């Protein structure tokens, strides 16, 4: 089961990193809402990994990752 999950996660290899930059909670809520509105809930087209200083969105397709970069361009 772990091997299958690892293979699935390898498919999501197009990353978009968003730094926290000491931003406010509403700022981050807006970022997440923008991603949800365009790409839906995580699992089918992307996953996310929160870290202490940043969040990484991992997309299945390069096209979606590029669209996310454009969508969040003022925030990256």
N, C-alpha and C. Protein backbone atom coordinates (compact mmCIF):
# COMPACT_ATOMS: atom_id res chain seq x y z
N UNK A 1 0.82 -1.19 0.00
CA UNK A 1 0.00 0.00 0.00
C UNK A 1 0.87 1.26 0.00
N UNK A 2 1.94 1.27 0.78
CA UNK A 2 2.82 2.44 0.85
C UNK A 2 3.50 2.68 -0.49
N UNK A 3 3.89 1.63 -1.18
CA UNK A 3 4.53 1.77 -2.47
C UNK A 3 3.57 2.39 -3.48
N UNK A 4 2.31 1.97 -3.47
CA UNK A 4 1.32 2.52 -4.38
C UNK A 4 1.12 4.01 -4.10
N UNK A 5 1.01 4.39 -2.84
CA UNK A 5 0.83 5.79 -2.47
C UNK A 5 2.04 6.61 -2.90
N UNK A 6 3.23 6.08 -2.74
CA UNK A 6 4.44 6.78 -3.17
C UNK A 6 4.44 7.00 -4.67
N UNK A 7 3.98 6.01 -5.44
CA UNK A 7 3.90 6.15 -6.90
C UNK A 7 2.88 7.22 -7.29
N UNK A 8 1.77 7.29 -6.59
CA UNK A 8 0.75 8.31 -6.88
C UNK A 8 1.32 9.69 -6.60
N UNK A 9 2.01 9.87 -5.47
CA UNK A 9 2.56 11.17 -5.12
C UNK A 9 3.65 11.61 -6.09
N UNK A 10 4.35 10.68 -6.71
CA UNK A 10 5.37 11.03 -7.71
C UNK A 10 4.74 11.68 -8.94
N UNK A 11 3.47 11.38 -9.20
CA UNK A 11 2.78 11.98 -10.34
C UNK A 11 2.57 13.47 -10.14
N UNK A 12 2.57 13.92 -8.91
CA UNK A 12 2.35 15.33 -8.58
C UNK A 12 3.71 16.01 -8.39
N UNK A 13 4.43 16.20 -9.49
CA UNK A 13 5.81 16.68 -9.37
C UNK A 13 6.03 18.10 -9.89
N UNK A 14 4.96 18.84 -10.13
CA UNK A 14 5.06 20.24 -10.56
C UNK A 14 4.70 21.12 -9.37
N UNK A 15 5.70 21.79 -8.82
CA UNK A 15 5.53 22.47 -7.53
C UNK A 15 5.42 23.99 -7.67
N UNK A 16 4.59 24.56 -6.79
CA UNK A 16 4.47 26.01 -6.65
C UNK A 16 4.63 26.30 -5.16
N UNK A 17 5.64 27.10 -4.84
CA UNK A 17 5.94 27.42 -3.44
C UNK A 17 5.44 28.82 -3.11
N UNK A 18 4.69 28.94 -2.01
CA UNK A 18 4.19 30.23 -1.55
C UNK A 18 4.76 30.47 -0.16
N UNK A 19 5.59 31.50 -0.02
CA UNK A 19 6.20 31.82 1.27
C UNK A 19 5.19 32.52 2.18
N UNK A 20 5.29 32.25 3.47
CA UNK A 20 4.40 32.91 4.43
C UNK A 20 4.70 34.41 4.49
N UNK A 21 5.98 34.80 4.50
CA UNK A 21 6.39 36.21 4.54
C UNK A 21 5.70 37.02 5.63
N UNK A 22 5.45 36.41 6.77
CA UNK A 22 4.79 37.09 7.90
C UNK A 22 3.47 37.75 7.49
N UNK A 23 2.76 37.12 6.58
CA UNK A 23 1.48 37.65 6.12
C UNK A 23 0.39 37.35 7.14
N UNK A 24 -0.70 38.07 7.02
CA UNK A 24 -1.83 37.90 7.93
C UNK A 24 -2.64 36.66 7.55
N UNK A 25 -3.47 36.24 8.48
CA UNK A 25 -4.35 35.09 8.24
C UNK A 25 -5.30 35.36 7.06
N UNK A 26 -5.94 36.53 6.98
CA UNK A 26 -6.82 36.77 5.83
C UNK A 26 -6.08 36.68 4.49
N UNK A 27 -4.82 37.12 4.45
CA UNK A 27 -4.02 37.03 3.23
C UNK A 27 -3.88 35.57 2.81
N UNK A 28 -3.55 34.72 3.77
CA UNK A 28 -3.37 33.32 3.45
C UNK A 28 -4.70 32.66 3.10
N UNK A 29 -5.77 33.00 3.80
CA UNK A 29 -7.10 32.46 3.47
C UNK A 29 -7.48 32.79 2.03
N UNK A 30 -7.16 34.00 1.59
CA UNK A 30 -7.44 34.40 0.21
C UNK A 30 -6.64 33.56 -0.78
N UNK A 31 -5.38 33.28 -0.47
CA UNK A 31 -4.55 32.43 -1.34
C UNK A 31 -5.18 31.05 -1.49
N UNK A 32 -5.54 30.45 -0.37
CA UNK A 32 -6.13 29.11 -0.40
C UNK A 32 -7.47 29.12 -1.12
N UNK A 33 -8.28 30.15 -0.89
CA UNK A 33 -9.59 30.25 -1.55
C UNK A 33 -9.42 30.36 -3.06
N UNK A 34 -8.42 31.11 -3.50
CA UNK A 34 -8.18 31.26 -4.94
C UNK A 34 -7.83 29.92 -5.57
N UNK A 35 -6.97 29.15 -4.90
CA UNK A 35 -6.57 27.84 -5.42
C UNK A 35 -7.77 26.90 -5.43
N UNK A 36 -8.56 26.89 -4.36
CA UNK A 36 -9.74 26.03 -4.29
C UNK A 36 -10.76 26.37 -5.37
N UNK A 37 -10.98 27.64 -5.62
CA UNK A 37 -11.96 28.05 -6.62
C UNK A 37 -11.59 27.57 -8.02
N UNK A 38 -10.32 27.56 -8.32
CA UNK A 38 -9.88 27.18 -9.67
C UNK A 38 -9.65 25.68 -9.80
N UNK A 39 -9.03 25.05 -8.81
CA UNK A 39 -8.60 23.66 -8.94
C UNK A 39 -9.44 22.66 -8.14
N UNK A 40 -10.37 23.14 -7.32
CA UNK A 40 -11.18 22.23 -6.51
C UNK A 40 -10.44 21.76 -5.27
N UNK A 41 -10.98 20.76 -4.64
CA UNK A 41 -10.37 20.21 -3.44
C UNK A 41 -9.10 19.43 -3.78
N UNK A 42 -8.15 19.37 -2.85
CA UNK A 42 -6.91 18.61 -3.10
C UNK A 42 -7.21 17.13 -3.33
N UNK A 43 -6.37 16.51 -4.15
CA UNK A 43 -6.47 15.08 -4.36
C UNK A 43 -6.50 14.68 -5.81
N UNK A 44 -7.30 15.34 -6.62
CA UNK A 44 -7.40 14.97 -8.02
C UNK A 44 -6.36 15.68 -8.88
N UNK A 45 -6.25 17.00 -8.73
CA UNK A 45 -5.32 17.77 -9.58
C UNK A 45 -4.08 18.23 -8.83
N UNK A 46 -4.15 18.30 -7.51
CA UNK A 46 -3.02 18.80 -6.73
C UNK A 46 -3.09 18.29 -5.29
N UNK A 47 -1.98 18.41 -4.63
CA UNK A 47 -1.86 18.22 -3.18
C UNK A 47 -1.16 19.44 -2.63
N UNK A 48 -1.18 19.60 -1.34
CA UNK A 48 -0.44 20.69 -0.72
C UNK A 48 0.31 20.16 0.49
N UNK A 49 1.41 20.82 0.79
CA UNK A 49 2.23 20.46 1.95
C UNK A 49 2.59 21.73 2.69
N UNK A 50 1.98 21.96 3.85
CA UNK A 50 2.34 23.15 4.63
C UNK A 50 3.66 22.91 5.38
N UNK A 51 4.47 23.93 5.43
CA UNK A 51 5.72 23.91 6.18
C UNK A 51 5.72 25.13 7.10
N UNK A 52 6.70 25.22 7.94
CA UNK A 52 6.76 26.31 8.90
C UNK A 52 6.85 27.68 8.23
N UNK A 53 7.60 27.80 7.15
CA UNK A 53 7.83 29.09 6.50
C UNK A 53 7.15 29.25 5.14
N UNK A 54 6.54 28.21 4.64
CA UNK A 54 5.93 28.26 3.31
C UNK A 54 4.96 27.11 3.10
N UNK A 55 4.21 27.19 2.00
CA UNK A 55 3.30 26.12 1.58
C UNK A 55 3.70 25.73 0.17
N UNK A 56 3.67 24.45 -0.12
CA UNK A 56 3.97 23.96 -1.46
C UNK A 56 2.72 23.29 -2.04
N UNK A 57 2.30 23.77 -3.20
CA UNK A 57 1.23 23.12 -3.94
C UNK A 57 1.90 22.25 -4.98
N UNK A 58 1.54 20.97 -5.02
CA UNK A 58 2.14 20.02 -5.96
C UNK A 58 1.06 19.58 -6.94
N UNK A 59 1.27 19.89 -8.21
CA UNK A 59 0.28 19.63 -9.25
C UNK A 59 0.66 18.43 -10.10
N UNK A 60 -0.36 17.81 -10.64
CA UNK A 60 -0.17 16.67 -11.53
C UNK A 60 0.32 17.14 -12.90
N UNK A 61 -0.16 18.28 -13.37
CA UNK A 61 0.23 18.75 -14.70
C UNK A 61 1.00 20.07 -14.62
N UNK A 62 1.89 20.25 -15.55
CA UNK A 62 2.65 21.50 -15.64
C UNK A 62 1.72 22.66 -15.95
N UNK A 63 0.70 22.40 -16.76
CA UNK A 63 -0.27 23.43 -17.13
C UNK A 63 -0.97 23.99 -15.88
N UNK A 64 -1.40 23.12 -14.98
CA UNK A 64 -2.05 23.57 -13.75
C UNK A 64 -1.08 24.33 -12.85
N UNK A 65 0.16 23.87 -12.77
CA UNK A 65 1.16 24.57 -11.96
C UNK A 65 1.41 25.97 -12.51
N UNK A 66 1.50 26.09 -13.83
CA UNK A 66 1.70 27.40 -14.45
C UNK A 66 0.50 28.30 -14.20
N UNK A 67 -0.70 27.76 -14.30
CA UNK A 67 -1.91 28.53 -14.03
C UNK A 67 -1.94 29.01 -12.58
N UNK A 68 -1.51 28.16 -11.66
CA UNK A 68 -1.45 28.55 -10.25
C UNK A 68 -0.44 29.67 -10.04
N UNK A 69 0.70 29.60 -10.70
CA UNK A 69 1.70 30.67 -10.60
C UNK A 69 1.12 31.99 -11.09
N UNK A 70 0.37 31.94 -12.18
CA UNK A 70 -0.27 33.15 -12.70
C UNK A 70 -1.32 33.66 -11.72
N UNK A 71 -2.13 32.74 -11.22
CA UNK A 71 -3.20 33.08 -10.28
C UNK A 71 -2.64 33.77 -9.03
N UNK A 72 -1.53 33.26 -8.52
CA UNK A 72 -0.94 33.77 -7.29
C UNK A 72 0.26 34.67 -7.55
N UNK A 73 0.43 35.13 -8.78
CA UNK A 73 1.64 35.87 -9.16
C UNK A 73 1.94 37.06 -8.28
N UNK A 74 0.95 37.77 -7.82
CA UNK A 74 1.19 38.92 -6.96
C UNK A 74 1.56 38.51 -5.55
N UNK A 75 1.41 37.24 -5.23
CA UNK A 75 1.65 36.76 -3.88
C UNK A 75 2.92 35.91 -3.75
N UNK A 76 3.54 35.58 -4.87
CA UNK A 76 4.73 34.72 -4.82
C UNK A 76 5.98 35.52 -4.56
